[in-house]
Amino acid sequence: GRRDRLDPSLASTLAIVENMTSRNTTLT
């Protein structure tokens, strides 16, 4: 989705979790 309008706290959390789990393969 768009990455320029969400609440900064939510956007930051999404980005952190996305990066933290980027190598996982069981379920996307």
mmCIF file of all heavy atoms, coordinates in Angstrom:
data_MODEL
# 
_entry.id   MODEL 
# 
loop_
_atom_site.group_PDB 
_atom_site.id 
_atom_site.type_symbol 
_atom_site.label_atom_id 
_atom_site.label_alt_id 
_atom_site.label_comp_id 
_atom_site.label_asym_id 
_atom_site.label_entity_id 
_atom_site.label_seq_id 
_atom_site.pdbx_PDB_ins_code 
_atom_site.Cartn_x 
_atom_site.Cartn_y 
_atom_site.Cartn_z 
_atom_site.occupancy 
_atom_site.B_iso_or_equiv 
_atom_site.pdbx_formal_charge 
_atom_site.auth_seq_id 
_atom_site.auth_comp_id 
_atom_site.auth_asym_id 
_atom_site.auth_atom_id 
_atom_site.pdbx_PDB_model_num 
ATOM 1   N N   . GLY A 1 1  ? 0.832  -1.200  0.000  1.00 0.00 ? 1  GLY A N   1 
ATOM 2   C CA  . GLY A 1 1  ? 0.000  0.000   0.000  1.00 0.00 ? 1  GLY A CA  1 
ATOM 3   C C   . GLY A 1 1  ? 0.864  1.246   0.000  1.00 0.00 ? 1  GLY A C   1 
ATOM 4   O O   . GLY A 1 1  ? 2.096  1.188   -0.099 1.00 0.00 ? 1  GLY A O   1 
ATOM 5   N N   . ARG A 1 2  ? 0.220  2.393   0.100  1.00 0.00 ? 2  ARG A N   1 
ATOM 6   C CA  . ARG A 1 2  ? 0.950  3.657   0.139  1.00 0.00 ? 2  ARG A CA  1 
ATOM 7   C C   . ARG A 1 2  ? 1.754  3.752   1.435  1.00 0.00 ? 2  ARG A C   1 
ATOM 8   O O   . ARG A 1 2  ? 1.324  3.286   2.488  1.00 0.00 ? 2  ARG A O   1 
ATOM 9   C CB  . ARG A 1 2  ? -0.021 4.838   0.028  1.00 0.00 ? 2  ARG A CB  1 
ATOM 10  C CG  . ARG A 1 2  ? -0.678 4.949   -1.341 1.00 0.00 ? 2  ARG A CG  1 
ATOM 11  C CD  . ARG A 1 2  ? -1.512 6.207   -1.464 1.00 0.00 ? 2  ARG A CD  1 
ATOM 12  N NE  . ARG A 1 2  ? -0.731 7.426   -1.200 1.00 0.00 ? 2  ARG A NE  1 
ATOM 13  C CZ  . ARG A 1 2  ? -1.153 8.653   -1.507 1.00 0.00 ? 2  ARG A CZ  1 
ATOM 14  N NH1 . ARG A 1 2  ? -2.342 8.814   -2.094 1.00 0.00 ? 2  ARG A NH1 1 
ATOM 15  N NH2 . ARG A 1 2  ? -0.423 9.713   -1.235 1.00 0.00 ? 2  ARG A NH2 1 
ATOM 16  N N   . ARG A 1 3  ? 2.898  4.401   1.351  1.00 0.00 ? 3  ARG A N   1 
ATOM 17  C CA  . ARG A 1 3  ? 3.798  4.479   2.506  1.00 0.00 ? 3  ARG A CA  1 
ATOM 18  C C   . ARG A 1 3  ? 4.019  5.918   2.968  1.00 0.00 ? 3  ARG A C   1 
ATOM 19  O O   . ARG A 1 3  ? 4.941  6.167   3.743  1.00 0.00 ? 3  ARG A O   1 
ATOM 20  C CB  . ARG A 1 3  ? 5.131  3.823   2.167  1.00 0.00 ? 3  ARG A CB  1 
ATOM 21  C CG  . ARG A 1 3  ? 4.972  2.343   1.818  1.00 0.00 ? 3  ARG A CG  1 
ATOM 22  C CD  . ARG A 1 3  ? 6.258  1.584   1.916  1.00 0.00 ? 3  ARG A CD  1 
ATOM 23  N NE  . ARG A 1 3  ? 6.004  0.149   1.769  1.00 0.00 ? 3  ARG A NE  1 
ATOM 24  C CZ  . ARG A 1 3  ? 6.691  -0.816  2.349  1.00 0.00 ? 3  ARG A CZ  1 
ATOM 25  N NH1 . ARG A 1 3  ? 7.686  -0.502  3.154  1.00 0.00 ? 3  ARG A NH1 1 
ATOM 26  N NH2 . ARG A 1 3  ? 6.409  -2.080  2.154  1.00 0.00 ? 3  ARG A NH2 1 
ATOM 27  N N   . ASP A 1 4  ? 3.186  6.820   2.523  1.00 0.00 ? 4  ASP A N   1 
ATOM 28  C CA  . ASP A 1 4  ? 3.430  8.228   2.834  1.00 0.00 ? 4  ASP A CA  1 
ATOM 29  C C   . ASP A 1 4  ? 2.360  8.863   3.712  1.00 0.00 ? 4  ASP A C   1 
ATOM 30  O O   . ASP A 1 4  ? 2.480  10.043  4.057  1.00 0.00 ? 4  ASP A O   1 
ATOM 31  C CB  . ASP A 1 4  ? 3.554  9.029   1.537  1.00 0.00 ? 4  ASP A CB  1 
ATOM 32  C CG  . ASP A 1 4  ? 2.311  8.923   0.657  1.00 0.00 ? 4  ASP A CG  1 
ATOM 33  O OD1 . ASP A 1 4  ? 1.566  7.918   0.778  1.00 0.00 ? 4  ASP A OD1 1 
ATOM 34  O OD2 . ASP A 1 4  ? 2.067  9.830   -0.149 1.00 0.00 ? 4  ASP A OD2 1 
ATOM 35  N N   . ARG A 1 5  ? 1.304  8.104   4.088  1.00 0.00 ? 5  ARG A N   1 
ATOM 36  C CA  . ARG A 1 5  ? 0.202  8.758   4.791  1.00 0.00 ? 5  ARG A CA  1 
ATOM 37  C C   . ARG A 1 5  ? -0.147 8.125   6.139  1.00 0.00 ? 5  ARG A C   1 
ATOM 38  O O   . ARG A 1 5  ? -0.857 8.748   6.927  1.00 0.00 ? 5  ARG A O   1 
ATOM 39  C CB  . ARG A 1 5  ? -1.052 8.766   3.916  1.00 0.00 ? 5  ARG A CB  1 
ATOM 40  C CG  . ARG A 1 5  ? -0.886 9.484   2.590  1.00 0.00 ? 5  ARG A CG  1 
ATOM 41  C CD  . ARG A 1 5  ? -2.218 9.700   1.908  1.00 0.00 ? 5  ARG A CD  1 
ATOM 42  N NE  . ARG A 1 5  ? -2.931 8.459   1.632  1.00 0.00 ? 5  ARG A NE  1 
ATOM 43  C CZ  . ARG A 1 5  ? -4.092 8.398   0.960  1.00 0.00 ? 5  ARG A CZ  1 
ATOM 44  N NH1 . ARG A 1 5  ? -4.657 9.518   0.522  1.00 0.00 ? 5  ARG A NH1 1 
ATOM 45  N NH2 . ARG A 1 5  ? -4.675 7.233   0.731  1.00 0.00 ? 5  ARG A NH2 1 
ATOM 46  N N   . LEU A 1 6  ? 0.302  6.905   6.386  1.00 0.00 ? 6  LEU A N   1 
ATOM 47  C CA  . LEU A 1 6  ? -0.082 6.242   7.630  1.00 0.00 ? 6  LEU A CA  1 
ATOM 48  C C   . LEU A 1 6  ? 0.522  6.950   8.837  1.00 0.00 ? 6  LEU A C   1 
ATOM 49  O O   . LEU A 1 6  ? 1.536  7.643   8.729  1.00 0.00 ? 6  LEU A O   1 
ATOM 50  C CB  . LEU A 1 6  ? 0.376  4.780   7.624  1.00 0.00 ? 6  LEU A CB  1 
ATOM 51  C CG  . LEU A 1 6  ? -0.415 3.794   6.771  1.00 0.00 ? 6  LEU A CG  1 
ATOM 52  C CD1 . LEU A 1 6  ? 0.140  2.394   6.986  1.00 0.00 ? 6  LEU A CD1 1 
ATOM 53  C CD2 . LEU A 1 6  ? -1.896 3.826   7.091  1.00 0.00 ? 6  LEU A CD2 1 
ATOM 54  N N   . ASP A 1 7  ? -0.104 6.739   9.993  1.00 0.00 ? 7  ASP A N   1 
ATOM 55  C CA  . ASP A 1 7  ? 0.434  7.229   11.251 1.00 0.00 ? 7  ASP A CA  1 
ATOM 56  C C   . ASP A 1 7  ? 1.900  6.792   11.367 1.00 0.00 ? 7  ASP A C   1 
ATOM 57  O O   . ASP A 1 7  ? 2.233  5.623   11.108 1.00 0.00 ? 7  ASP A O   1 
ATOM 58  C CB  . ASP A 1 7  ? -0.382 6.642   12.407 1.00 0.00 ? 7  ASP A CB  1 
ATOM 59  C CG  . ASP A 1 7  ? 0.200  6.967   13.761 1.00 0.00 ? 7  ASP A CG  1 
ATOM 60  O OD1 . ASP A 1 7  ? -0.067 8.059   14.257 1.00 0.00 ? 7  ASP A OD1 1 
ATOM 61  O OD2 . ASP A 1 7  ? 0.927  6.110   14.303 1.00 0.00 ? 7  ASP A OD2 1 
ATOM 62  N N   . PRO A 1 8  ? 2.805  7.695   11.723 1.00 0.00 ? 8  PRO A N   1 
ATOM 63  C CA  . PRO A 1 8  ? 4.234  7.353   11.759 1.00 0.00 ? 8  PRO A CA  1 
ATOM 64  C C   . PRO A 1 8  ? 4.553  6.141   12.625 1.00 0.00 ? 8  PRO A C   1 
ATOM 65  O O   . PRO A 1 8  ? 5.435  5.347   12.288 1.00 0.00 ? 8  PRO A O   1 
ATOM 66  C CB  . PRO A 1 8  ? 4.884  8.627   12.305 1.00 0.00 ? 8  PRO A CB  1 
ATOM 67  C CG  . PRO A 1 8  ? 3.945  9.721   11.943 1.00 0.00 ? 8  PRO A CG  1 
ATOM 68  C CD  . PRO A 1 8  ? 2.576  9.124   12.020 1.00 0.00 ? 8  PRO A CD  1 
ATOM 69  N N   . SER A 1 9  ? 3.855  5.997   13.742 1.00 0.00 ? 9  SER A N   1 
ATOM 70  C CA  . SER A 1 9  ? 4.130  4.863   14.618 1.00 0.00 ? 9  SER A CA  1 
ATOM 71  C C   . SER A 1 9  ? 3.785  3.552   13.933 1.00 0.00 ? 9  SER A C   1 
ATOM 72  O O   . SER A 1 9  ? 4.564  2.582   13.978 1.00 0.00 ? 9  SER A O   1 
ATOM 73  C CB  . SER A 1 9  ? 3.342  5.012   15.921 1.00 0.00 ? 9  SER A CB  1 
ATOM 74  O OG  . SER A 1 9  ? 3.571  3.910   16.774 1.00 0.00 ? 9  SER A OG  1 
ATOM 75  N N   . LEU A 1 10 ? 2.620  3.508   13.268 1.00 0.00 ? 10 LEU A N   1 
ATOM 76  C CA  . LEU A 1 10 ? 2.226  2.296   12.560 1.00 0.00 ? 10 LEU A CA  1 
ATOM 77  C C   . LEU A 1 10 ? 3.152  2.045   11.376 1.00 0.00 ? 10 LEU A C   1 
ATOM 78  O O   . LEU A 1 10 ? 3.585  0.904   11.145 1.00 0.00 ? 10 LEU A O   1 
ATOM 79  C CB  . LEU A 1 10 ? 0.777  2.409   12.090 1.00 0.00 ? 10 LEU A CB  1 
ATOM 80  C CG  . LEU A 1 10 ? 0.258  1.257   11.214 1.00 0.00 ? 10 LEU A CG  1 
ATOM 81  C CD1 . LEU A 1 10 ? 0.406  -0.077  11.930 1.00 0.00 ? 10 LEU A CD1 1 
ATOM 82  C CD2 . LEU A 1 10 ? -1.198 1.500   10.822 1.00 0.00 ? 10 LEU A CD2 1 
ATOM 83  N N   . ALA A 1 11 ? 3.467  3.099   10.613 1.00 0.00 ? 11 ALA A N   1 
ATOM 84  C CA  . ALA A 1 11 ? 4.338  2.935   9.452  1.00 0.00 ? 11 ALA A CA  1 
ATOM 85  C C   . ALA A 1 11 ? 5.705  2.409   9.870  1.00 0.00 ? 11 ALA A C   1 
ATOM 86  O O   . ALA A 1 11 ? 6.274  1.514   9.226  1.00 0.00 ? 11 ALA A O   1 
ATOM 87  C CB  . ALA A 1 11 ? 4.478  4.269   8.714  1.00 0.00 ? 11 ALA A CB  1 
ATOM 88  N N   . SER A 1 12 ? 6.229  2.947   10.963 1.00 0.00 ? 12 SER A N   1 
ATOM 89  C CA  . SER A 1 12 ? 7.531  2.501   11.450 1.00 0.00 ? 12 SER A CA  1 
ATOM 90  C C   . SER A 1 12 ? 7.483  1.046   11.896 1.00 0.00 ? 12 SER A C   1 
ATOM 91  O O   . SER A 1 12 ? 8.387  0.256   11.589 1.00 0.00 ? 12 SER A O   1 
ATOM 92  C CB  . SER A 1 12 ? 7.979  3.394   12.610 1.00 0.00 ? 12 SER A CB  1 
ATOM 93  O OG  . SER A 1 12 ? 9.169  2.917   13.194 1.00 0.00 ? 12 SER A OG  1 
ATOM 94  N N   . THR A 1 13 ? 6.417  0.678   12.600 1.00 0.00 ? 13 THR A N   1 
ATOM 95  C CA  . THR A 1 13 ? 6.288  -0.697  13.079 1.00 0.00 ? 13 THR A CA  1 
ATOM 96  C C   . THR A 1 13 ? 6.172  -1.672  11.915 1.00 0.00 ? 13 THR A C   1 
ATOM 97  O O   . THR A 1 13 ? 6.812  -2.733  11.910 1.00 0.00 ? 13 THR A O   1 
ATOM 98  C CB  . THR A 1 13 ? 5.063  -0.829  14.000 1.00 0.00 ? 13 THR A CB  1 
ATOM 99  O OG1 . THR A 1 13 ? 5.205  0.066   15.108 1.00 0.00 ? 13 THR A OG1 1 
ATOM 100 C CG2 . THR A 1 13 ? 4.918  -2.249  14.522 1.00 0.00 ? 13 THR A CG2 1 
ATOM 101 N N   . LEU A 1 14 ? 5.361  -1.320  10.914 1.00 0.00 ? 14 LEU A N   1 
ATOM 102 C CA  . LEU A 1 14 ? 5.232  -2.171  9.732  1.00 0.00 ? 14 LEU A CA  1 
ATOM 103 C C   . LEU A 1 14 ? 6.587  -2.359  9.049  1.00 0.00 ? 14 LEU A C   1 
ATOM 104 O O   . LEU A 1 14 ? 6.956  -3.480  8.670  1.00 0.00 ? 14 LEU A O   1 
ATOM 105 C CB  . LEU A 1 14 ? 4.232  -1.561  8.747  1.00 0.00 ? 14 LEU A CB  1 
ATOM 106 C CG  . LEU A 1 14 ? 2.749  -1.821  9.025  1.00 0.00 ? 14 LEU A CG  1 
ATOM 107 C CD1 . LEU A 1 14 ? 1.875  -0.884  8.194  1.00 0.00 ? 14 LEU A CD1 1 
ATOM 108 C CD2 . LEU A 1 14 ? 2.399  -3.272  8.721  1.00 0.00 ? 14 LEU A CD2 1 
ATOM 109 N N   . ALA A 1 15 ? 7.329  -1.267  8.896  1.00 0.00 ? 15 ALA A N   1 
ATOM 110 C CA  . ALA A 1 15 ? 8.621  -1.351  8.229  1.00 0.00 ? 15 ALA A CA  1 
ATOM 111 C C   . ALA A 1 15 ? 9.608  -2.205  9.018  1.00 0.00 ? 15 ALA A C   1 
ATOM 112 O O   . ALA A 1 15 ? 10.366 -3.004  8.444  1.00 0.00 ? 15 ALA A O   1 
ATOM 113 C CB  . ALA A 1 15 ? 9.180  0.050   8.010  1.00 0.00 ? 15 ALA A CB  1 
ATOM 114 N N   . ILE A 1 16 ? 9.615  -2.054  10.351 1.00 0.00 ? 16 ILE A N   1 
ATOM 115 C CA  . ILE A 1 16 ? 10.539 -2.819  11.193 1.00 0.00 ? 16 ILE A CA  1 
ATOM 116 C C   . ILE A 1 16 ? 10.209 -4.308  11.118 1.00 0.00 ? 16 ILE A C   1 
ATOM 117 O O   . ILE A 1 16 ? 11.114 -5.153  10.945 1.00 0.00 ? 16 ILE A O   1 
ATOM 118 C CB  . ILE A 1 16 ? 10.475 -2.316  12.646 1.00 0.00 ? 16 ILE A CB  1 
ATOM 119 C CG1 . ILE A 1 16 ? 11.095 -0.917  12.746 1.00 0.00 ? 16 ILE A CG1 1 
ATOM 120 C CG2 . ILE A 1 16 ? 11.174 -3.290  13.583 1.00 0.00 ? 16 ILE A CG2 1 
ATOM 121 C CD1 . ILE A 1 16 ? 10.872 -0.244  14.084 1.00 0.00 ? 16 ILE A CD1 1 
ATOM 122 N N   . VAL A 1 17 ? 8.925  -4.657  11.260 1.00 0.00 ? 17 VAL A N   1 
ATOM 123 C CA  . VAL A 1 17 ? 8.534  -6.069  11.232 1.00 0.00 ? 17 VAL A CA  1 
ATOM 124 C C   . VAL A 1 17 ? 8.786  -6.650  9.839  1.00 0.00 ? 17 VAL A C   1 
ATOM 125 O O   . VAL A 1 17 ? 9.210  -7.805  9.699  1.00 0.00 ? 17 VAL A O   1 
ATOM 126 C CB  . VAL A 1 17 ? 7.059  -6.231  11.654 1.00 0.00 ? 17 VAL A CB  1 
ATOM 127 C CG1 . VAL A 1 17 ? 6.617  -7.682  11.514 1.00 0.00 ? 17 VAL A CG1 1 
ATOM 128 C CG2 . VAL A 1 17 ? 6.862  -5.764  13.092 1.00 0.00 ? 17 VAL A CG2 1 
ATOM 129 N N   . GLU A 1 18 ? 8.530  -5.859  8.812  1.00 0.00 ? 18 GLU A N   1 
ATOM 130 C CA  . GLU A 1 18 ? 8.787  -6.310  7.448  1.00 0.00 ? 18 GLU A CA  1 
ATOM 131 C C   . GLU A 1 18 ? 10.266 -6.652  7.273  1.00 0.00 ? 18 GLU A C   1 
ATOM 132 O O   . GLU A 1 18 ? 10.626 -7.700  6.717  1.00 0.00 ? 18 GLU A O   1 
ATOM 133 C CB  . GLU A 1 18 ? 8.368  -5.220  6.465  1.00 0.00 ? 18 GLU A CB  1 
ATOM 134 C CG  . GLU A 1 18 ? 8.486  -5.613  5.000  1.00 0.00 ? 18 GLU A CG  1 
ATOM 135 C CD  . GLU A 1 18 ? 7.989  -4.501  4.090  1.00 0.00 ? 18 GLU A CD  1 
ATOM 136 O OE1 . GLU A 1 18 ? 8.347  -3.329  4.319  1.00 0.00 ? 18 GLU A OE1 1 
ATOM 137 O OE2 . GLU A 1 18 ? 7.235  -4.814  3.146  1.00 0.00 ? 18 GLU A OE2 1 
ATOM 138 N N   . ASN A 1 19 ? 11.128 -5.790  7.758  1.00 0.00 ? 19 ASN A N   1 
ATOM 139 C CA  . ASN A 1 19 ? 12.566 -6.029  7.640  1.00 0.00 ? 19 ASN A CA  1 
ATOM 140 C C   . ASN A 1 19 ? 13.015 -7.210  8.510  1.00 0.00 ? 19 ASN A C   1 
ATOM 141 O O   . ASN A 1 19 ? 13.814 -8.050  8.078  1.00 0.00 ? 19 ASN A O   1 
ATOM 142 C CB  . ASN A 1 19 ? 13.332 -4.771  8.048  1.00 0.00 ? 19 ASN A CB  1 
ATOM 143 C CG  . ASN A 1 19 ? 14.830 -4.932  7.925  1.00 0.00 ? 19 ASN A CG  1 
ATOM 144 O OD1 . ASN A 1 19 ? 15.361 -5.078  6.826  1.00 0.00 ? 19 ASN A OD1 1 
ATOM 145 N ND2 . ASN A 1 19 ? 15.526 -4.905  9.048  1.00 0.00 ? 19 ASN A ND2 1 
ATOM 146 N N   . MET A 1 20 ? 12.468 -7.288  9.727  1.00 0.00 ? 20 MET A N   1 
ATOM 147 C CA  . MET A 1 20 ? 12.865 -8.335  10.662 1.00 0.00 ? 20 MET A CA  1 
ATOM 148 C C   . MET A 1 20 ? 12.523 -9.723  10.133 1.00 0.00 ? 20 MET A C   1 
ATOM 149 O O   . MET A 1 20 ? 13.242 -10.694 10.386 1.00 0.00 ? 20 MET A O   1 
ATOM 150 C CB  . MET A 1 20 ? 12.165 -8.102  12.009 1.00 0.00 ? 20 MET A CB  1 
ATOM 151 C CG  . MET A 1 20 ? 12.515 -9.115  13.085 1.00 0.00 ? 20 MET A CG  1 
ATOM 152 S SD  . MET A 1 20 ? 11.683 -8.746  14.646 1.00 0.00 ? 20 MET A SD  1 
ATOM 153 C CE  . MET A 1 20 ? 10.034 -9.330  14.273 1.00 0.00 ? 20 MET A CE  1 
ATOM 154 N N   . THR A 1 21 ? 11.430 -9.851  9.398  1.00 0.00 ? 21 THR A N   1 
ATOM 155 C CA  . THR A 1 21 ? 10.941 -11.166 8.954  1.00 0.00 ? 21 THR A CA  1 
ATOM 156 C C   . THR A 1 21 ? 11.249 -11.446 7.490  1.00 0.00 ? 21 THR A C   1 
ATOM 157 O O   . THR A 1 21 ? 10.736 -12.423 6.936  1.00 0.00 ? 21 THR A O   1 
ATOM 158 C CB  . THR A 1 21 ? 9.425  -11.267 9.182  1.00 0.00 ? 21 THR A CB  1 
ATOM 159 O OG1 . THR A 1 21 ? 8.753  -10.269 8.374  1.00 0.00 ? 21 THR A OG1 1 
ATOM 160 C CG2 . THR A 1 21 ? 9.059  -11.039 10.643 1.00 0.00 ? 21 THR A CG2 1 
ATOM 161 N N   . SER A 1 22 ? 12.050 -10.634 6.867  1.00 0.00 ? 22 SER A N   1 
ATOM 162 C CA  . SER A 1 22 ? 12.208 -10.693 5.402  1.00 0.00 ? 22 SER A CA  1 
ATOM 163 C C   . SER A 1 22 ? 12.778 -12.010 4.895  1.00 0.00 ? 22 SER A C   1 
ATOM 164 O O   . SER A 1 22 ? 12.575 -12.363 3.736  1.00 0.00 ? 22 SER A O   1 
ATOM 165 C CB  . SER A 1 22 ? 13.093 -9.535  4.933  1.00 0.00 ? 22 SER A CB  1 
ATOM 166 O OG  . SER A 1 22 ? 14.393 -9.631  5.517  1.00 0.00 ? 22 SER A OG  1 
ATOM 167 N N   . ARG A 1 23 ? 13.491 -12.757 5.733  1.00 0.00 ? 23 ARG A N   1 
ATOM 168 C CA  . ARG A 1 23 ? 14.098 -14.012 5.286  1.00 0.00 ? 23 ARG A CA  1 
ATOM 169 C C   . ARG A 1 23 ? 13.239 -15.236 5.596  1.00 0.00 ? 23 ARG A C   1 
ATOM 170 O O   . ARG A 1 23 ? 13.639 -16.367 5.282  1.00 0.00 ? 23 ARG A O   1 
ATOM 171 C CB  . ARG A 1 23 ? 15.483 -14.175 5.925  1.00 0.00 ? 23 ARG A CB  1 
ATOM 172 C CG  . ARG A 1 23 ? 16.485 -13.116 5.484  1.00 0.00 ? 23 ARG A CG  1 
ATOM 173 C CD  . ARG A 1 23 ? 17.846 -13.350 6.135  1.00 0.00 ? 23 ARG A CD  1 
ATOM 174 N NE  . ARG A 1 23 ? 18.802 -12.337 5.734  1.00 0.00 ? 23 ARG A NE  1 
ATOM 175 C CZ  . ARG A 1 23 ? 19.554 -12.382 4.634  1.00 0.00 ? 23 ARG A CZ  1 
ATOM 176 N NH1 . ARG A 1 23 ? 19.444 -13.433 3.827  1.00 0.00 ? 23 ARG A NH1 1 
ATOM 177 N NH2 . ARG A 1 23 ? 20.398 -11.422 4.345  1.00 0.00 ? 23 ARG A NH2 1 
ATOM 178 N N   . ASN A 1 24 ? 12.094 -15.039 6.198  1.00 0.00 ? 24 ASN A N   1 
ATOM 179 C CA  . ASN A 1 24 ? 11.240 -16.174 6.562  1.00 0.00 ? 24 ASN A CA  1 
ATOM 180 C C   . ASN A 1 24 ? 10.516 -16.730 5.337  1.00 0.00 ? 24 ASN A C   1 
ATOM 181 O O   . ASN A 1 24 ? 10.219 -15.996 4.387  1.00 0.00 ? 24 ASN A O   1 
ATOM 182 C CB  . ASN A 1 24 ? 10.232 -15.761 7.629  1.00 0.00 ? 24 ASN A CB  1 
ATOM 183 C CG  . ASN A 1 24 ? 10.904 -15.421 8.946  1.00 0.00 ? 24 ASN A CG  1 
ATOM 184 O OD1 . ASN A 1 24 ? 12.037 -15.820 9.198  1.00 0.00 ? 24 ASN A OD1 1 
ATOM 185 N ND2 . ASN A 1 24 ? 10.209 -14.676 9.805  1.00 0.00 ? 24 ASN A ND2 1 
ATOM 186 N N   . THR A 1 25 ? 10.188 -18.026 5.398  1.00 0.00 ? 25 THR A N   1 
ATOM 187 C CA  . THR A 1 25 ? 9.631  -18.690 4.210  1.00 0.00 ? 25 THR A CA  1 
ATOM 188 C C   . THR A 1 25 ? 8.416  -19.573 4.478  1.00 0.00 ? 25 THR A C   1 
ATOM 189 O O   . THR A 1 25 ? 7.824  -20.096 3.544  1.00 0.00 ? 25 THR A O   1 
ATOM 190 C CB  . THR A 1 25 ? 10.712 -19.563 3.554  1.00 0.00 ? 25 THR A CB  1 
ATOM 191 O OG1 . THR A 1 25 ? 11.194 -20.531 4.504  1.00 0.00 ? 25 THR A OG1 1 
ATOM 192 C CG2 . THR A 1 25 ? 11.891 -18.722 3.060  1.00 0.00 ? 25 THR A CG2 1 
ATOM 193 N N   . THR A 1 26 ? 8.036  -19.760 5.756  1.00 0.00 ? 26 THR A N   1 
ATOM 194 C CA  . THR A 1 26 ? 6.925  -20.685 6.033  1.00 0.00 ? 26 THR A CA  1 
ATOM 195 C C   . THR A 1 26 ? 5.594  -20.147 5.515  1.00 0.00 ? 26 THR A C   1 
ATOM 196 O O   . THR A 1 26 ? 4.808  -20.871 4.893  1.00 0.00 ? 26 THR A O   1 
ATOM 197 C CB  . THR A 1 26 ? 6.817  -20.946 7.550  1.00 0.00 ? 26 THR A CB  1 
ATOM 198 O OG1 . THR A 1 26 ? 8.051  -21.457 8.025  1.00 0.00 ? 26 THR A OG1 1 
ATOM 199 C CG2 . THR A 1 26 ? 5.707  -21.945 7.841  1.00 0.00 ? 26 THR A CG2 1 
ATOM 200 N N   . LEU A 1 27 ? 5.325  -18.883 5.762  1.00 0.00 ? 27 LEU A N   1 
ATOM 201 C CA  . LEU A 1 27 ? 4.090  -18.231 5.324  1.00 0.00 ? 27 LEU A CA  1 
ATOM 202 C C   . LEU A 1 27 ? 4.396  -16.767 5.064  1.00 0.00 ? 27 LEU A C   1 
ATOM 203 O O   . LEU A 1 27 ? 5.088  -16.127 5.870  1.00 0.00 ? 27 LEU A O   1 
ATOM 204 C CB  . LEU A 1 27 ? 3.005  -18.351 6.410  1.00 0.00 ? 27 LEU A CB  1 
ATOM 205 C CG  . LEU A 1 27 ? 1.767  -17.448 6.270  1.00 0.00 ? 27 LEU A CG  1 
ATOM 206 C CD1 . LEU A 1 27 ? 0.930  -17.865 5.068  1.00 0.00 ? 27 LEU A CD1 1 
ATOM 207 C CD2 . LEU A 1 27 ? 0.925  -17.468 7.536  1.00 0.00 ? 27 LEU A CD2 1 
ATOM 208 N N   . THR A 1 28 ? 3.889  -16.240 3.963  1.00 0.00 ? 28 THR A N   1 
ATOM 209 C CA  . THR A 1 28 ? 4.008  -14.811 3.687  1.00 0.00 ? 28 THR A CA  1 
ATOM 210 C C   . THR A 1 28 ? 2.680  -14.136 4.011  1.00 0.00 ? 28 THR A C   1 
ATOM 211 O O   . THR A 1 28 ? 1.643  -14.511 3.460  1.00 0.00 ? 28 THR A O   1 
ATOM 212 C CB  . THR A 1 28 ? 4.379  -14.546 2.216  1.00 0.00 ? 28 THR A CB  1 
ATOM 213 O OG1 . THR A 1 28 ? 5.664  -15.127 1.961  1.00 0.00 ? 28 THR A OG1 1 
ATOM 214 C CG2 . THR A 1 28 ? 4.447  -13.055 1.934  1.00 0.00 ? 28 THR A CG2 1 
# 
